[in-house]
């Protein structure tokens, strides 16, 4: 499945259409062939600033801890806390990383201890310790980063968010989970767990 790019005019038209009286976001999104979460994101951007929405500078504050010029302990601790907040994982979660100093920092280790997770670091030069993560980064780089030339960090943030949250998690098929997207797979897993419990 190839990832689609949308120009500013298409986004603005989609938002305006979804804001018409009697129109439902889900119906508009289905009618124009996009995921409803993407349309909701576009609406939020548009409502915050209609004249500047969908331009690279429109999202300077969005996900500011996700992209940086350098990989620091602040960016990795912020990313871990964000993941904890969204996912609400249980004790015993394995947090896998390479051996970078930011992952060995006191701040990062304190978060892992506070939530009773287990830290796992790759062996030096061993990319096979966590093949799932390595596979994701290979796919991410070849499908999202390498084909693009970003004019600004803000533009990169928007494209990376779109790739991971909309395309990779919701639309891209994954052979390791029966050719479903991660979101659909988790929904089915939750249903199966509920059926098993009842």
N, C-alpha and C. Protein backbone atom coordinates (compact mmCIF):
# COMPACT_ATOMS: atom_id res chain seq x y z
N UNK A 1 0.84 -1.17 0.00
CA UNK A 1 0.00 0.00 0.00
C UNK A 1 0.89 1.24 0.00
N UNK A 2 0.70 2.12 -0.94
CA UNK A 2 1.51 3.31 -1.04
C UNK A 2 0.89 4.45 -0.25
N UNK A 3 1.73 5.23 0.40
CA UNK A 3 1.27 6.35 1.20
C UNK A 3 0.93 7.52 0.31
N UNK A 4 -0.21 8.14 0.54
CA UNK A 4 -0.62 9.27 -0.29
C UNK A 4 -0.21 10.59 0.35
N UNK A 5 0.12 11.55 -0.48
CA UNK A 5 0.43 12.90 -0.03
C UNK A 5 -0.74 13.80 -0.42
N UNK A 6 -1.07 14.76 0.44
CA UNK A 6 -2.19 15.65 0.17
C UNK A 6 -1.69 17.08 0.16
N UNK A 7 -2.12 17.86 -0.83
CA UNK A 7 -1.70 19.25 -0.86
C UNK A 7 -2.61 20.09 0.04
N UNK A 8 -2.19 21.33 0.28
CA UNK A 8 -2.92 22.23 1.19
C UNK A 8 -4.36 22.44 0.73
N UNK A 9 -4.57 22.62 -0.55
CA UNK A 9 -5.92 22.87 -1.08
C UNK A 9 -6.86 21.70 -0.78
N UNK A 10 -6.37 20.48 -0.97
CA UNK A 10 -7.18 19.29 -0.68
C UNK A 10 -7.56 19.27 0.81
N UNK A 11 -6.58 19.55 1.69
CA UNK A 11 -6.83 19.53 3.13
C UNK A 11 -7.87 20.57 3.53
N UNK A 12 -7.70 21.78 3.02
CA UNK A 12 -8.65 22.86 3.36
C UNK A 12 -10.04 22.51 2.85
N UNK A 13 -10.15 22.01 1.63
CA UNK A 13 -11.47 21.62 1.08
C UNK A 13 -12.11 20.51 1.92
N UNK A 14 -11.29 19.54 2.34
CA UNK A 14 -11.81 18.44 3.15
C UNK A 14 -12.32 18.95 4.49
N UNK A 15 -11.58 19.86 5.11
CA UNK A 15 -12.00 20.43 6.40
C UNK A 15 -13.29 21.21 6.23
N UNK A 16 -13.35 22.07 5.22
CA UNK A 16 -14.56 22.88 5.00
C UNK A 16 -15.77 21.99 4.73
N UNK A 17 -15.58 20.95 3.97
CA UNK A 17 -16.67 20.02 3.69
C UNK A 17 -17.15 19.36 4.98
N UNK A 18 -16.22 18.97 5.84
CA UNK A 18 -16.59 18.29 7.09
C UNK A 18 -17.26 19.23 8.08
N UNK A 19 -17.11 20.54 7.88
CA UNK A 19 -17.69 21.51 8.80
C UNK A 19 -19.08 22.00 8.35
N UNK A 20 -19.51 21.54 7.19
CA UNK A 20 -20.83 21.94 6.72
C UNK A 20 -21.90 21.32 7.61
N UNK A 21 -22.99 22.06 7.78
CA UNK A 21 -24.07 21.59 8.64
C UNK A 21 -24.60 20.25 8.15
N UNK A 22 -24.76 19.35 9.10
CA UNK A 22 -25.31 18.03 8.78
C UNK A 22 -24.29 17.02 8.30
N UNK A 23 -23.04 17.45 8.10
CA UNK A 23 -22.00 16.52 7.64
C UNK A 23 -21.30 15.89 8.83
N UNK A 24 -21.05 14.60 8.76
CA UNK A 24 -20.31 13.89 9.80
C UNK A 24 -18.89 13.65 9.31
N UNK A 25 -17.94 13.83 10.21
CA UNK A 25 -16.53 13.65 9.86
C UNK A 25 -16.28 12.26 9.29
N UNK A 26 -16.87 11.25 9.91
CA UNK A 26 -16.64 9.87 9.44
C UNK A 26 -17.12 9.68 8.01
N UNK A 27 -18.27 10.26 7.68
CA UNK A 27 -18.81 10.13 6.32
C UNK A 27 -17.97 10.89 5.30
N UNK A 28 -17.56 12.10 5.67
CA UNK A 28 -16.73 12.90 4.75
C UNK A 28 -15.41 12.19 4.51
N UNK A 29 -14.77 11.71 5.59
CA UNK A 29 -13.49 11.02 5.46
C UNK A 29 -13.62 9.80 4.55
N UNK A 30 -14.66 9.00 4.77
CA UNK A 30 -14.87 7.81 3.93
C UNK A 30 -15.13 8.21 2.48
N UNK A 31 -15.88 9.28 2.30
CA UNK A 31 -16.22 9.74 0.95
C UNK A 31 -15.04 10.21 0.14
N UNK A 32 -14.04 10.77 0.81
CA UNK A 32 -12.87 11.25 0.07
C UNK A 32 -11.67 10.30 0.20
N UNK A 33 -11.89 9.18 0.89
CA UNK A 33 -10.87 8.13 0.93
C UNK A 33 -9.72 8.37 1.89
N UNK A 34 -10.00 9.01 3.04
CA UNK A 34 -8.96 9.18 4.05
C UNK A 34 -9.47 8.65 5.38
N UNK A 35 -8.56 8.45 6.32
CA UNK A 35 -8.94 7.98 7.65
C UNK A 35 -9.52 9.15 8.45
N UNK A 36 -10.56 8.89 9.23
CA UNK A 36 -11.21 9.97 9.98
C UNK A 36 -10.26 10.66 10.96
N UNK A 37 -9.29 9.93 11.54
CA UNK A 37 -8.34 10.58 12.46
C UNK A 37 -7.51 11.64 11.76
N UNK A 38 -7.17 11.40 10.51
CA UNK A 38 -6.43 12.38 9.73
C UNK A 38 -7.28 13.63 9.53
N UNK A 39 -8.55 13.44 9.20
CA UNK A 39 -9.44 14.59 9.01
C UNK A 39 -9.62 15.36 10.31
N UNK A 40 -9.75 14.65 11.43
CA UNK A 40 -9.85 15.34 12.72
C UNK A 40 -8.59 16.16 13.00
N UNK A 41 -7.42 15.62 12.66
CA UNK A 41 -6.17 16.36 12.86
C UNK A 41 -6.16 17.62 11.99
N UNK A 42 -6.57 17.49 10.74
CA UNK A 42 -6.62 18.64 9.84
C UNK A 42 -7.59 19.69 10.36
N UNK A 43 -8.74 19.26 10.87
CA UNK A 43 -9.73 20.20 11.41
C UNK A 43 -9.15 20.98 12.58
N UNK A 44 -8.46 20.28 13.48
CA UNK A 44 -7.87 20.95 14.64
C UNK A 44 -6.87 22.02 14.19
N UNK A 45 -6.02 21.66 13.24
CA UNK A 45 -5.04 22.63 12.73
C UNK A 45 -5.74 23.82 12.08
N UNK A 46 -6.76 23.54 11.31
CA UNK A 46 -7.47 24.59 10.59
C UNK A 46 -8.19 25.51 11.57
N UNK A 47 -8.84 24.94 12.57
CA UNK A 47 -9.59 25.74 13.53
C UNK A 47 -8.66 26.60 14.39
N UNK A 48 -7.45 26.09 14.67
CA UNK A 48 -6.48 26.87 15.44
C UNK A 48 -6.00 28.10 14.67
N UNK A 49 -5.83 27.97 13.37
CA UNK A 49 -5.33 29.08 12.57
C UNK A 49 -5.65 28.86 11.09
N UNK A 50 -6.85 29.28 10.64
CA UNK A 50 -7.27 29.00 9.26
C UNK A 50 -6.33 29.55 8.18
N UNK A 51 -5.68 30.68 8.44
CA UNK A 51 -4.84 31.26 7.38
C UNK A 51 -3.49 30.58 7.25
N UNK A 52 -3.02 29.94 8.31
CA UNK A 52 -1.69 29.33 8.26
C UNK A 52 -1.72 27.81 8.35
N UNK A 53 -2.89 27.21 8.47
CA UNK A 53 -2.94 25.77 8.63
C UNK A 53 -2.37 25.05 7.41
N UNK A 54 -1.73 23.94 7.68
CA UNK A 54 -1.14 23.06 6.68
C UNK A 54 0.10 23.64 6.02
N UNK A 55 0.60 24.73 6.53
CA UNK A 55 1.89 25.23 6.08
C UNK A 55 2.92 24.73 7.09
N UNK A 56 4.16 24.54 6.69
CA UNK A 56 5.13 23.94 7.61
C UNK A 56 5.22 24.62 8.97
N UNK A 57 5.10 25.95 9.06
CA UNK A 57 5.24 26.63 10.34
C UNK A 57 4.00 26.51 11.21
N UNK A 58 2.94 25.92 10.72
CA UNK A 58 1.69 25.86 11.47
C UNK A 58 1.76 24.94 12.67
N UNK A 59 2.71 24.01 12.68
CA UNK A 59 2.74 23.04 13.77
C UNK A 59 4.02 23.12 14.60
N UNK A 60 4.56 24.29 14.81
CA UNK A 60 5.82 24.39 15.55
C UNK A 60 5.72 23.79 16.94
N UNK A 61 4.59 23.90 17.59
CA UNK A 61 4.45 23.38 18.94
C UNK A 61 4.06 21.90 18.97
N UNK A 62 3.58 21.37 17.86
CA UNK A 62 3.12 19.99 17.83
C UNK A 62 4.29 19.03 18.00
N UNK A 63 4.18 18.09 18.90
CA UNK A 63 5.18 17.04 19.12
C UNK A 63 6.58 17.59 19.28
N UNK A 64 6.77 18.67 20.02
CA UNK A 64 8.10 19.27 20.07
C UNK A 64 9.15 18.40 20.72
N UNK A 65 8.75 17.40 21.51
CA UNK A 65 9.74 16.50 22.09
C UNK A 65 10.09 15.34 21.17
N UNK A 66 9.41 15.21 20.06
CA UNK A 66 9.61 14.06 19.20
C UNK A 66 10.77 14.20 18.22
N UNK A 67 11.12 15.41 17.88
CA UNK A 67 12.19 15.62 16.89
C UNK A 67 13.17 16.64 17.45
N UNK A 68 14.43 16.34 17.29
CA UNK A 68 15.47 17.23 17.79
C UNK A 68 16.69 17.11 16.89
N UNK A 69 17.56 18.10 16.98
CA UNK A 69 18.80 18.04 16.22
C UNK A 69 19.74 16.97 16.76
N UNK A 70 19.58 16.66 18.05
CA UNK A 70 20.43 15.65 18.70
C UNK A 70 19.56 14.72 19.51
N UNK A 71 20.07 13.53 19.76
CA UNK A 71 19.35 12.60 20.63
C UNK A 71 19.88 12.81 22.05
N UNK A 72 19.04 13.36 22.89
CA UNK A 72 19.42 13.70 24.26
C UNK A 72 18.60 12.90 25.25
N UNK A 73 19.01 12.95 26.52
CA UNK A 73 18.22 12.25 27.53
C UNK A 73 16.84 12.87 27.66
N UNK A 74 16.71 14.17 27.41
CA UNK A 74 15.39 14.82 27.50
C UNK A 74 14.45 14.28 26.43
N UNK A 75 14.93 14.14 25.22
CA UNK A 75 14.03 13.66 24.15
C UNK A 75 13.62 12.21 24.39
N UNK A 76 14.52 11.36 24.89
CA UNK A 76 14.13 9.97 25.10
C UNK A 76 13.25 9.81 26.34
N UNK A 77 13.49 10.61 27.39
CA UNK A 77 12.61 10.53 28.56
C UNK A 77 11.23 11.08 28.23
N UNK A 78 11.18 12.18 27.47
CA UNK A 78 9.88 12.73 27.05
C UNK A 78 9.11 11.73 26.19
N UNK A 79 9.81 11.07 25.27
CA UNK A 79 9.15 10.08 24.41
C UNK A 79 8.63 8.90 25.22
N UNK A 80 9.42 8.45 26.20
CA UNK A 80 8.98 7.34 27.04
C UNK A 80 7.77 7.74 27.87
N UNK A 81 7.79 8.93 28.47
CA UNK A 81 6.65 9.39 29.27
C UNK A 81 5.39 9.55 28.41
N UNK A 82 5.58 10.05 27.19
CA UNK A 82 4.44 10.19 26.27
C UNK A 82 3.86 8.82 25.94
N UNK A 83 4.72 7.86 25.68
CA UNK A 83 4.26 6.49 25.37
C UNK A 83 3.53 5.89 26.57
N UNK A 84 4.05 6.12 27.77
CA UNK A 84 3.40 5.61 28.97
C UNK A 84 2.01 6.23 29.13
N UNK A 85 1.94 7.54 28.92
CA UNK A 85 0.66 8.24 29.07
C UNK A 85 -0.38 7.72 28.07
N UNK A 86 0.03 7.53 26.81
CA UNK A 86 -0.92 7.07 25.79
C UNK A 86 -1.28 5.60 25.93
N UNK A 87 -0.28 4.77 26.21
CA UNK A 87 -0.49 3.33 26.17
C UNK A 87 -0.87 2.70 27.51
N UNK A 88 -0.49 3.33 28.60
CA UNK A 88 -0.78 2.81 29.95
C UNK A 88 -0.34 1.35 30.10
N UNK A 89 0.93 1.07 29.84
CA UNK A 89 1.41 -0.33 29.91
C UNK A 89 1.47 -0.85 31.34
N UNK A 90 1.44 -2.15 31.48
CA UNK A 90 1.49 -2.77 32.80
C UNK A 90 2.94 -3.00 33.23
N UNK A 91 3.09 -3.34 34.50
CA UNK A 91 4.42 -3.62 35.06
C UNK A 91 5.06 -4.75 34.24
N UNK A 92 6.38 -4.72 34.19
CA UNK A 92 7.10 -5.78 33.50
C UNK A 92 7.35 -5.52 32.03
N UNK A 93 6.86 -4.39 31.51
CA UNK A 93 7.10 -4.04 30.10
C UNK A 93 8.60 -4.00 29.84
N UNK A 94 9.03 -4.57 28.73
CA UNK A 94 10.44 -4.52 28.36
C UNK A 94 10.66 -3.30 27.47
N UNK A 95 11.53 -2.40 27.94
CA UNK A 95 11.88 -1.19 27.19
C UNK A 95 13.22 -1.45 26.54
N UNK A 96 13.21 -1.62 25.22
CA UNK A 96 14.42 -1.99 24.50
C UNK A 96 15.04 -0.77 23.84
N UNK A 97 16.35 -0.67 23.91
CA UNK A 97 17.06 0.45 23.27
C UNK A 97 18.46 -0.01 22.91
N UNK A 98 19.19 0.90 22.26
CA UNK A 98 20.60 0.63 22.05
C UNK A 98 21.35 1.09 23.30
N UNK A 99 22.69 1.13 23.23
CA UNK A 99 23.48 1.45 24.42
C UNK A 99 23.84 2.93 24.53
N UNK A 100 23.08 3.79 23.90
CA UNK A 100 23.36 5.22 23.96
C UNK A 100 23.31 5.75 25.39
N UNK A 101 24.12 6.77 25.67
CA UNK A 101 24.21 7.31 27.03
C UNK A 101 22.87 7.88 27.50
N UNK A 102 22.05 8.36 26.59
CA UNK A 102 20.75 8.90 26.99
C UNK A 102 19.85 7.82 27.58
N UNK A 103 19.99 6.56 27.12
CA UNK A 103 19.19 5.46 27.65
C UNK A 103 19.76 4.93 28.96
N UNK A 104 21.04 5.20 29.21
CA UNK A 104 21.67 4.78 30.46
C UNK A 104 21.62 5.90 31.50
N UNK A 105 21.05 7.04 31.13
CA UNK A 105 21.01 8.18 32.05
C UNK A 105 20.16 7.86 33.28
N UNK A 106 20.48 8.55 34.36
CA UNK A 106 19.76 8.36 35.62
C UNK A 106 18.27 8.67 35.43
N UNK A 107 17.96 9.73 34.68
CA UNK A 107 16.57 10.14 34.46
C UNK A 107 15.77 9.06 33.75
N UNK A 108 16.35 8.48 32.70
CA UNK A 108 15.65 7.44 31.93
C UNK A 108 15.46 6.19 32.79
N UNK A 109 16.53 5.79 33.51
CA UNK A 109 16.44 4.59 34.37
C UNK A 109 15.44 4.78 35.51
N UNK A 110 15.35 6.02 36.03
CA UNK A 110 14.39 6.29 37.11
C UNK A 110 12.95 6.09 36.65
N UNK A 111 12.65 6.50 35.43
CA UNK A 111 11.30 6.29 34.89
C UNK A 111 11.01 4.80 34.78
N UNK A 112 11.97 4.06 34.26
CA UNK A 112 11.79 2.61 34.11
C UNK A 112 11.56 1.96 35.48
N UNK A 113 12.32 2.38 36.48
CA UNK A 113 12.15 1.81 37.83
C UNK A 113 10.81 2.23 38.43
N UNK A 114 10.42 3.50 38.27
CA UNK A 114 9.18 4.00 38.84
C UNK A 114 7.97 3.21 38.33
N UNK A 115 7.98 2.84 37.04
CA UNK A 115 6.85 2.12 36.46
C UNK A 115 7.05 0.60 36.47
N UNK A 116 8.15 0.17 37.08
CA UNK A 116 8.47 -1.25 37.21
C UNK A 116 8.57 -1.96 35.86
N UNK A 117 9.26 -1.30 34.94
CA UNK A 117 9.54 -1.88 33.64
C UNK A 117 10.90 -2.59 33.72
N UNK A 118 11.24 -3.28 32.65
CA UNK A 118 12.55 -3.91 32.55
C UNK A 118 13.29 -3.27 31.38
N UNK A 119 14.53 -2.87 31.62
CA UNK A 119 15.32 -2.25 30.56
C UNK A 119 16.15 -3.31 29.85
N UNK A 120 16.14 -3.25 28.54
CA UNK A 120 16.93 -4.17 27.72
C UNK A 120 17.71 -3.34 26.72
N UNK A 121 19.01 -3.55 26.69
CA UNK A 121 19.84 -2.81 25.73
C UNK A 121 20.48 -3.79 24.75
N UNK A 122 20.59 -3.35 23.51
CA UNK A 122 21.24 -4.17 22.48
C UNK A 122 22.67 -4.45 22.86
N UNK A 123 23.16 -5.61 22.45
CA UNK A 123 24.59 -5.86 22.56
C UNK A 123 25.30 -4.94 21.59
N UNK A 124 26.53 -4.59 21.89
CA UNK A 124 27.27 -3.67 21.04
C UNK A 124 27.35 -4.20 19.60
N UNK A 125 26.86 -3.39 18.65
CA UNK A 125 26.90 -3.75 17.23
C UNK A 125 25.96 -4.87 16.84
N UNK A 126 24.98 -5.19 17.70
CA UNK A 126 24.08 -6.31 17.42
C UNK A 126 22.67 -5.79 17.12
N UNK A 127 22.34 -5.71 15.85
CA UNK A 127 21.02 -5.20 15.45
C UNK A 127 19.95 -6.28 15.53
N UNK A 128 20.32 -7.51 15.90
CA UNK A 128 19.35 -8.59 15.93
C UNK A 128 18.69 -8.75 17.30
N UNK A 129 19.13 -7.97 18.31
CA UNK A 129 18.53 -8.06 19.63
C UNK A 129 17.06 -7.67 19.61
N UNK A 130 16.69 -6.74 18.77
CA UNK A 130 15.30 -6.31 18.71
C UNK A 130 14.92 -6.12 17.25
N UNK A 131 14.66 -7.22 16.59
CA UNK A 131 14.40 -7.16 15.15
C UNK A 131 13.13 -6.41 14.81
N UNK A 132 12.14 -6.41 15.70
CA UNK A 132 10.89 -5.67 15.41
C UNK A 132 11.19 -4.18 15.30
N UNK A 133 11.92 -3.63 16.28
CA UNK A 133 12.26 -2.21 16.23
C UNK A 133 13.17 -1.90 15.05
N UNK A 134 14.15 -2.76 14.81
CA UNK A 134 15.05 -2.54 13.69
C UNK A 134 14.28 -2.55 12.36
N UNK A 135 13.33 -3.46 12.25
CA UNK A 135 12.51 -3.55 11.05
C UNK A 135 11.69 -2.28 10.86
N UNK A 136 11.09 -1.79 11.98
CA UNK A 136 10.32 -0.55 11.88
C UNK A 136 11.19 0.60 11.38
N UNK A 137 12.38 0.78 11.98
CA UNK A 137 13.22 1.90 11.58
C UNK A 137 13.69 1.78 10.13
N UNK A 138 13.95 0.57 9.67
CA UNK A 138 14.30 0.38 8.26
C UNK A 138 13.12 0.80 7.37
N UNK A 139 11.93 0.32 7.70
CA UNK A 139 10.74 0.66 6.92
C UNK A 139 10.47 2.16 6.96
N UNK A 140 10.54 2.73 8.15
CA UNK A 140 10.31 4.17 8.35
C UNK A 140 11.27 5.01 7.49
N UNK A 141 12.53 4.64 7.51
CA UNK A 141 13.51 5.41 6.74
C UNK A 141 13.30 5.27 5.24
N UNK A 142 13.02 4.05 4.78
CA UNK A 142 12.88 3.85 3.33
C UNK A 142 11.55 4.37 2.78
N UNK A 143 10.48 4.32 3.58
CA UNK A 143 9.18 4.77 3.08
C UNK A 143 8.88 6.23 3.38
N UNK A 144 9.46 6.78 4.45
CA UNK A 144 9.11 8.14 4.85
C UNK A 144 10.27 9.12 4.71
N UNK A 145 11.40 8.80 5.28
CA UNK A 145 12.48 9.79 5.37
C UNK A 145 13.29 9.93 4.08
N UNK A 146 13.81 8.81 3.55
CA UNK A 146 14.69 8.90 2.39
C UNK A 146 14.03 9.47 1.13
N UNK A 147 12.75 9.18 0.86
CA UNK A 147 12.16 9.74 -0.36
C UNK A 147 11.85 11.24 -0.29
N UNK A 148 11.93 11.83 0.91
CA UNK A 148 11.54 13.22 1.09
C UNK A 148 12.74 14.14 1.25
N UNK A 149 12.56 15.39 0.86
CA UNK A 149 13.52 16.44 1.15
C UNK A 149 12.71 17.50 1.89
N UNK A 150 12.97 17.63 3.20
CA UNK A 150 12.19 18.55 4.02
C UNK A 150 12.83 19.94 4.00
N UNK A 151 11.99 20.95 3.89
CA UNK A 151 12.50 22.32 3.88
C UNK A 151 12.65 22.88 5.29
N UNK A 152 12.03 22.21 6.27
CA UNK A 152 12.14 22.68 7.65
C UNK A 152 11.84 21.53 8.61
N UNK A 153 12.22 21.72 9.88
CA UNK A 153 11.90 20.73 10.91
C UNK A 153 10.39 20.60 11.07
N UNK A 154 9.69 21.73 10.97
CA UNK A 154 8.23 21.71 11.13
C UNK A 154 7.59 20.84 10.05
N UNK A 155 8.07 20.93 8.84
CA UNK A 155 7.54 20.11 7.74
C UNK A 155 7.83 18.63 8.01
N UNK A 156 9.02 18.34 8.49
CA UNK A 156 9.38 16.96 8.82
C UNK A 156 8.48 16.42 9.93
N UNK A 157 8.20 17.23 10.96
CA UNK A 157 7.34 16.80 12.06
C UNK A 157 5.96 16.39 11.54
N UNK A 158 5.40 17.21 10.68
CA UNK A 158 4.07 16.93 10.15
C UNK A 158 4.08 15.62 9.36
N UNK A 159 5.07 15.45 8.50
CA UNK A 159 5.13 14.26 7.66
C UNK A 159 5.39 13.00 8.50
N UNK A 160 6.25 13.11 9.50
CA UNK A 160 6.56 11.96 10.35
C UNK A 160 5.34 11.57 11.18
N UNK A 161 4.63 12.56 11.73
CA UNK A 161 3.40 12.27 12.47
C UNK A 161 2.41 11.55 11.56
N UNK A 162 2.21 12.08 10.37
CA UNK A 162 1.27 11.48 9.40
C UNK A 162 1.67 10.05 9.07
N UNK A 163 2.97 9.84 8.85
CA UNK A 163 3.44 8.50 8.50
C UNK A 163 3.18 7.50 9.62
N UNK A 164 3.59 7.83 10.85
CA UNK A 164 3.48 6.87 11.95
C UNK A 164 2.05 6.72 12.43
N UNK A 165 1.40 7.83 12.77
CA UNK A 165 0.08 7.75 13.41
C UNK A 165 -1.05 7.40 12.44
N UNK A 166 -0.96 7.85 11.22
CA UNK A 166 -2.05 7.61 10.28
C UNK A 166 -1.74 6.42 9.37
N UNK A 167 -0.63 6.50 8.65
CA UNK A 167 -0.35 5.46 7.67
C UNK A 167 0.14 4.16 8.31
N UNK A 168 1.25 4.21 9.05
CA UNK A 168 1.88 2.98 9.57
C UNK A 168 0.97 2.25 10.55
N UNK A 169 0.37 2.98 11.47
CA UNK A 169 -0.44 2.34 12.51
C UNK A 169 -1.85 1.96 12.06
N UNK A 170 -2.38 2.64 11.04
CA UNK A 170 -3.79 2.42 10.70
C UNK A 170 -4.03 1.87 9.29
N UNK A 171 -3.12 2.12 8.36
CA UNK A 171 -3.39 1.73 6.97
C UNK A 171 -2.43 0.68 6.44
N UNK A 172 -1.17 0.77 6.82
CA UNK A 172 -0.17 -0.16 6.28
C UNK A 172 -0.41 -1.57 6.80
N UNK A 173 -0.33 -2.54 5.92
CA UNK A 173 -0.51 -3.95 6.30
C UNK A 173 0.81 -4.51 6.83
N UNK A 174 0.70 -5.33 7.90
CA UNK A 174 1.89 -5.90 8.53
C UNK A 174 1.78 -7.42 8.48
N UNK A 175 2.72 -8.05 7.82
CA UNK A 175 2.66 -9.51 7.65
C UNK A 175 2.76 -10.25 8.99
N UNK A 176 3.45 -9.69 9.97
CA UNK A 176 3.62 -10.37 11.26
C UNK A 176 2.35 -10.39 12.10
N UNK A 177 1.36 -9.58 11.74
CA UNK A 177 0.09 -9.57 12.49
C UNK A 177 -1.08 -9.80 11.53
N UNK A 178 -0.91 -10.83 10.71
CA UNK A 178 -1.98 -11.29 9.82
C UNK A 178 -2.46 -10.22 8.83
N UNK A 179 -1.53 -9.42 8.35
CA UNK A 179 -1.80 -8.38 7.34
C UNK A 179 -2.84 -7.36 7.81
N UNK A 180 -2.81 -7.05 9.10
CA UNK A 180 -3.64 -5.98 9.66
C UNK A 180 -2.73 -4.82 10.02
N UNK A 181 -3.31 -3.66 10.27
CA UNK A 181 -2.56 -2.56 10.85
C UNK A 181 -2.52 -2.75 12.36
N UNK A 182 -1.54 -2.16 13.06
CA UNK A 182 -1.46 -2.34 14.51
C UNK A 182 -2.73 -1.94 15.26
N UNK A 183 -3.39 -0.87 14.85
CA UNK A 183 -4.61 -0.44 15.55
C UNK A 183 -5.71 -1.49 15.40
N UNK A 184 -5.92 -1.99 14.18
CA UNK A 184 -6.94 -3.03 13.97
C UNK A 184 -6.58 -4.31 14.71
N UNK A 185 -5.30 -4.65 14.71
CA UNK A 185 -4.87 -5.86 15.40
C UNK A 185 -5.17 -5.75 16.89
N UNK A 186 -4.86 -4.60 17.50
CA UNK A 186 -5.12 -4.43 18.93
C UNK A 186 -6.61 -4.45 19.23
N UNK A 187 -7.42 -3.87 18.37
CA UNK A 187 -8.87 -3.92 18.58
C UNK A 187 -9.36 -5.37 18.59
N UNK A 188 -8.89 -6.16 17.64
CA UNK A 188 -9.29 -7.58 17.59
C UNK A 188 -8.77 -8.35 18.80
N UNK A 189 -7.56 -8.01 19.23
CA UNK A 189 -6.98 -8.66 20.40
C UNK A 189 -7.80 -8.33 21.65
N UNK A 190 -8.21 -7.08 21.81
CA UNK A 190 -9.04 -6.67 22.94
C UNK A 190 -10.37 -7.42 22.94
N UNK A 191 -10.98 -7.53 21.76
CA UNK A 191 -12.25 -8.26 21.65
C UNK A 191 -12.05 -9.72 22.05
N UNK A 192 -10.99 -10.33 21.57
CA UNK A 192 -10.71 -11.73 21.89
C UNK A 192 -10.49 -11.91 23.39
N UNK A 193 -9.80 -10.97 24.03
CA UNK A 193 -9.58 -11.04 25.48
C UNK A 193 -10.90 -10.93 26.23
N UNK A 194 -11.78 -10.01 25.79
CA UNK A 194 -13.07 -9.82 26.46
C UNK A 194 -13.94 -11.06 26.31
N UNK A 195 -13.91 -11.68 25.15
CA UNK A 195 -14.70 -12.90 24.91
C UNK A 195 -14.18 -14.02 25.80
N UNK A 196 -12.85 -14.11 25.92
CA UNK A 196 -12.23 -15.15 26.74
C UNK A 196 -12.58 -14.98 28.21
N UNK A 197 -12.65 -13.73 28.68
CA UNK A 197 -12.94 -13.43 30.09
C UNK A 197 -14.41 -13.72 30.42
N UNK A 198 -15.32 -13.43 29.48
CA UNK A 198 -16.75 -13.58 29.77
C UNK A 198 -17.26 -14.98 29.60
